Amino acid sequence: MAWWNKPEEQDETSDDDIPVLTEALSAEEIAELEGGDAAEPRYEISEEQLGEMRADLAARTHDLADQLVHTAFRDMEAALFEQVSTRLRAELPELIGRVLGDHLNKDPE
């Protein structure tokens, strides 16, 4: 607890029990606390592995985007089909009635 004020060192009138940073730790001290060596990187990735990961990520992202676009188109198509069907159900009887009335009420010549 060397890097923050201990509760007993805080002002007794303060209601805050928040530790205050008083000094920064070096990379070596952080590594020591984490149980590792500061000079050792955690992960070593070759350029080839990095390239493979990029290609895999790009391919999977493209596949996901493609799937989402196809799903969106199917949803839009279903919504448009429903709108057209609803309008046809509403307007077709009137249209048929008008056409039949126009043709059946003609005066024979």
C-alpha atoms as a PDB file:
ATOM      1  CA  MET A   1       0.000   0.000   0.000  1.00  0.00           C
ATOM      2  CA  ALA A   2       2.976   2.245  -0.467  1.00  0.00           C
ATOM      3  CA  TRP A   3       1.482   3.963  -3.486  1.00  0.00           C
ATOM      4  CA  TRP A   4      -1.646   5.409  -1.857  1.00  0.00           C
ATOM      5  CA  ASN A   5      -2.547   6.974   1.407  1.00  0.00           C
ATOM      6  CA  LYS A   6      -3.636   4.477   4.012  1.00  0.00           C
ATOM      7  CA  PRO A   7      -7.058   5.088   5.593  1.00  0.00           C
ATOM      8  CA  GLU A   8      -5.470   6.038   8.920  1.00  0.00           C
ATOM      9  CA  GLU A   9      -3.413   8.705   7.131  1.00  0.00           C
ATOM     10  CA  GLN A  10      -6.524  10.348   5.645  1.00  0.00           C
ATOM     11  CA  ASP A  11      -8.200  13.342   7.176  1.00  0.00           C
ATOM     12  CA  GLU A  12     -10.515  12.145   9.942  1.00  0.00           C
ATOM     13  CA  THR A  13     -13.232  14.598   8.856  1.00  0.00           C
ATOM     14  CA  SER A  14     -13.301  13.158   5.312  1.00  0.00           C
ATOM     15  CA  ASP A  15     -16.063  10.697   4.472  1.00  0.00           C
ATOM     16  CA  ASP A  16     -14.141   9.452   1.436  1.00  0.00           C
ATOM     17  CA  ASP A  17     -12.326   6.141   1.691  1.00  0.00           C
ATOM     18  CA  ILE A  18     -10.933   6.476  -1.811  1.00  0.00           C
ATOM     19  CA  PRO A  19      -7.193   5.756  -2.058  1.00  0.00           C
ATOM     20  CA  VAL A  20      -5.155   8.646  -3.434  1.00  0.00           C
ATOM     21  CA  LEU A  21      -2.327   7.910  -5.867  1.00  0.00           C
ATOM     22  CA  THR A  22       0.871   9.389  -4.459  1.00  0.00           C
ATOM     23  CA  GLU A  23       3.541   7.801  -6.659  1.00  0.00           C
ATOM     24  CA  ALA A  24       3.670   6.009  -9.999  1.00  0.00           C
ATOM     25  CA  LEU A  25       4.931   2.474 -10.427  1.00  0.00           C
ATOM     26  CA  SER A  26       7.609   1.636 -12.949  1.00  0.00           C
ATOM     27  CA  ALA A  27       7.156  -1.099 -15.543  1.00  0.00           C
ATOM     28  CA  GLU A  28       9.439  -3.364 -13.524  1.00  0.00           C
ATOM     29  CA  GLU A  29       7.390  -2.841 -10.345  1.00  0.00           C
ATOM     30  CA  ILE A  30       4.165  -3.568 -12.216  1.00  0.00           C
ATOM     31  CA  ALA A  31       5.673  -6.732 -13.710  1.00  0.00           C
ATOM     32  CA  GLU A  32       6.890  -7.801 -10.281  1.00  0.00           C
ATOM     33  CA  LEU A  33       3.401  -7.333  -8.819  1.00  0.00           C
ATOM     34  CA  GLU A  34       1.924  -9.332 -11.709  1.00  0.00           C
ATOM     35  CA  GLY A  35       4.519 -12.057 -11.264  1.00  0.00           C
ATOM     36  CA  GLY A  36       6.240 -11.611 -14.615  1.00  0.00           C
ATOM     37  CA  ASP A  37       9.246  -9.947 -16.162  1.00  0.00           C
ATOM     38  CA  ALA A  38       8.905  -6.441 -17.616  1.00  0.00           C
ATOM     39  CA  ALA A  39      11.266  -7.266 -20.473  1.00  0.00           C
ATOM     40  CA  GLU A  40       9.137 -10.264 -21.533  1.00  0.00           C
ATOM     41  CA  PRO A  41       6.110  -9.497 -23.708  1.00  0.00           C
ATOM     42  CA  ARG A  42       2.971 -11.416 -22.836  1.00  0.00           C
ATOM     43  CA  TYR A  43       2.217 -12.501 -26.407  1.00  0.00           C
ATOM     44  CA  GLU A  44       4.482 -12.953 -29.351  1.00  0.00           C
ATOM     45  CA  ILE A  45       2.693 -12.956 -32.683  1.00  0.00           C
ATOM     46  CA  SER A  46       4.550 -13.377 -35.938  1.00  0.00           C
ATOM     47  CA  GLU A  47       3.683 -11.322 -38.999  1.00  0.00           C
ATOM     48  CA  GLU A  48       2.351 -14.495 -40.608  1.00  0.00           C
ATOM     49  CA  GLN A  49       0.027 -15.186 -37.649  1.00  0.00           C
ATOM     50  CA  LEU A  50      -1.072 -11.553 -37.634  1.00  0.00           C
ATOM     51  CA  GLY A  51      -1.831 -11.770 -41.355  1.00  0.00           C
ATOM     52  CA  GLU A  52      -3.814 -14.978 -40.852  1.00  0.00           C
ATOM     53  CA  MET A  53      -5.810 -13.388 -38.036  1.00  0.00           C
ATOM     54  CA  ARG A  54      -6.537 -10.322 -40.178  1.00  0.00           C
ATOM     55  CA  ALA A  55      -7.688 -12.486 -43.091  1.00  0.00           C
ATOM     56  CA  ASP A  56      -9.841 -14.646 -40.809  1.00  0.00           C
ATOM     57  CA  LEU A  57     -11.365 -11.592 -39.140  1.00  0.00           C
ATOM     58  CA  ALA A  58     -12.070  -9.967 -42.514  1.00  0.00           C
ATOM     59  CA  ALA A  59     -13.678 -13.155 -43.878  1.00  0.00           C
ATOM     60  CA  ARG A  60     -15.842 -13.680 -40.809  1.00  0.00           C
ATOM     61  CA  THR A  61     -16.854 -10.006 -40.769  1.00  0.00           C
ATOM     62  CA  HIS A  62     -17.810 -10.218 -44.455  1.00  0.00           C
ATOM     63  CA  ASP A  63     -19.838 -13.390 -43.845  1.00  0.00           C
ATOM     64  CA  LEU A  64     -21.663 -11.786 -40.921  1.00  0.00           C
ATOM     65  CA  ALA A  65     -22.392  -8.612 -42.899  1.00  0.00           C
ATOM     66  CA  ASP A  66     -23.645 -10.712 -45.822  1.00  0.00           C
ATOM     67  CA  GLN A  67     -25.924 -12.701 -43.524  1.00  0.00           C
ATOM     68  CA  LEU A  68     -27.285  -9.537 -41.889  1.00  0.00           C
ATOM     69  CA  VAL A  69     -27.956  -7.888 -45.269  1.00  0.00           C
ATOM     70  CA  HIS A  70     -29.774 -10.990 -46.568  1.00  0.00           C
ATOM     71  CA  THR A  71     -31.869 -11.127 -43.404  1.00  0.00           C
ATOM     72  CA  ALA A  72     -32.694  -7.433 -43.717  1.00  0.00           C
ATOM     73  CA  PHE A  73     -33.746  -7.909 -47.369  1.00  0.00           C
ATOM     74  CA  ARG A  74     -35.972 -10.862 -46.446  1.00  0.00           C
ATOM     75  CA  ASP A  75     -37.576  -8.793 -43.692  1.00  0.00           C
ATOM     76  CA  MET A  76     -38.138  -5.846 -46.053  1.00  0.00           C
ATOM     77  CA  GLU A  77     -39.501  -8.163 -48.744  1.00  0.00           C
ATOM     78  CA  ALA A  78     -41.960  -9.686 -46.268  1.00  0.00           C
ATOM     79  CA  ALA A  79     -43.065  -6.236 -45.095  1.00  0.00           C
ATOM     80  CA  LEU A  80     -43.571  -5.011 -48.684  1.00  0.00           C
ATOM     81  CA  PHE A  81     -45.470  -8.177 -49.608  1.00  0.00           C
ATOM     82  CA  GLU A  82     -47.770  -7.643 -46.629  1.00  0.00           C
ATOM     83  CA  GLN A  83     -48.373  -3.999 -47.611  1.00  0.00           C
ATOM     84  CA  VAL A  84     -49.184  -4.927 -51.227  1.00  0.00           C
ATOM     85  CA  SER A  85     -51.486  -7.762 -50.119  1.00  0.00           C
ATOM     86  CA  THR A  86     -53.308  -5.477 -47.697  1.00  0.00           C
ATOM     87  CA  ARG A  87     -53.834  -2.811 -50.358  1.00  0.00           C
ATOM     88  CA  LEU A  88     -54.998  -5.399 -52.899  1.00  0.00           C
ATOM     89  CA  ARG A  89     -57.509  -6.813 -50.414  1.00  0.00           C
ATOM     90  CA  ALA A  90     -58.777  -3.309 -49.712  1.00  0.00           C
ATOM     91  CA  GLU A  91     -58.853  -1.904 -53.258  1.00  0.00           C
ATOM     92  CA  LEU A  92     -59.492  -4.909 -55.520  1.00  0.00           C
ATOM     93  CA  PRO A  93     -63.206  -5.364 -54.711  1.00  0.00           C
ATOM     94  CA  GLU A  94     -63.887  -1.706 -55.553  1.00  0.00           C
ATOM     95  CA  LEU A  95     -61.874  -1.953 -58.778  1.00  0.00           C
ATOM     96  CA  ILE A  96     -63.731  -5.112 -59.847  1.00  0.00           C
ATOM     97  CA  GLY A  97     -67.051  -3.486 -59.013  1.00  0.00           C
ATOM     98  CA  ARG A  98     -66.229  -0.382 -61.069  1.00  0.00           C
ATOM     99  CA  VAL A  99     -65.084  -2.393 -64.102  1.00  0.00           C
ATOM    100  CA  LEU A 100     -68.112  -4.709 -63.985  1.00  0.00           C
ATOM    101  CA  GLY A 101     -70.432  -1.759 -63.528  1.00  0.00           C
ATOM    102  CA  ASP A 102     -68.886   0.104 -66.442  1.00  0.00           C
ATOM    103  CA  HIS A 103     -69.195  -2.905 -68.782  1.00  0.00           C
ATOM    104  CA  LEU A 104     -72.572  -4.221 -67.651  1.00  0.00           C
ATOM    105  CA  ASN A 105     -74.319  -0.858 -67.570  1.00  0.00           C
ATOM    106  CA  LYS A 106     -73.366   0.008 -71.146  1.00  0.00           C
ATOM    107  CA  ASP A 107     -76.221   0.687 -73.493  1.00  0.00           C
ATOM    108  CA  PRO A 108     -76.273  -1.891 -76.278  1.00  0.00           C
ATOM    109  CA  GLU A 109     -75.710  -0.173 -79.587  1.00  0.00           C
END
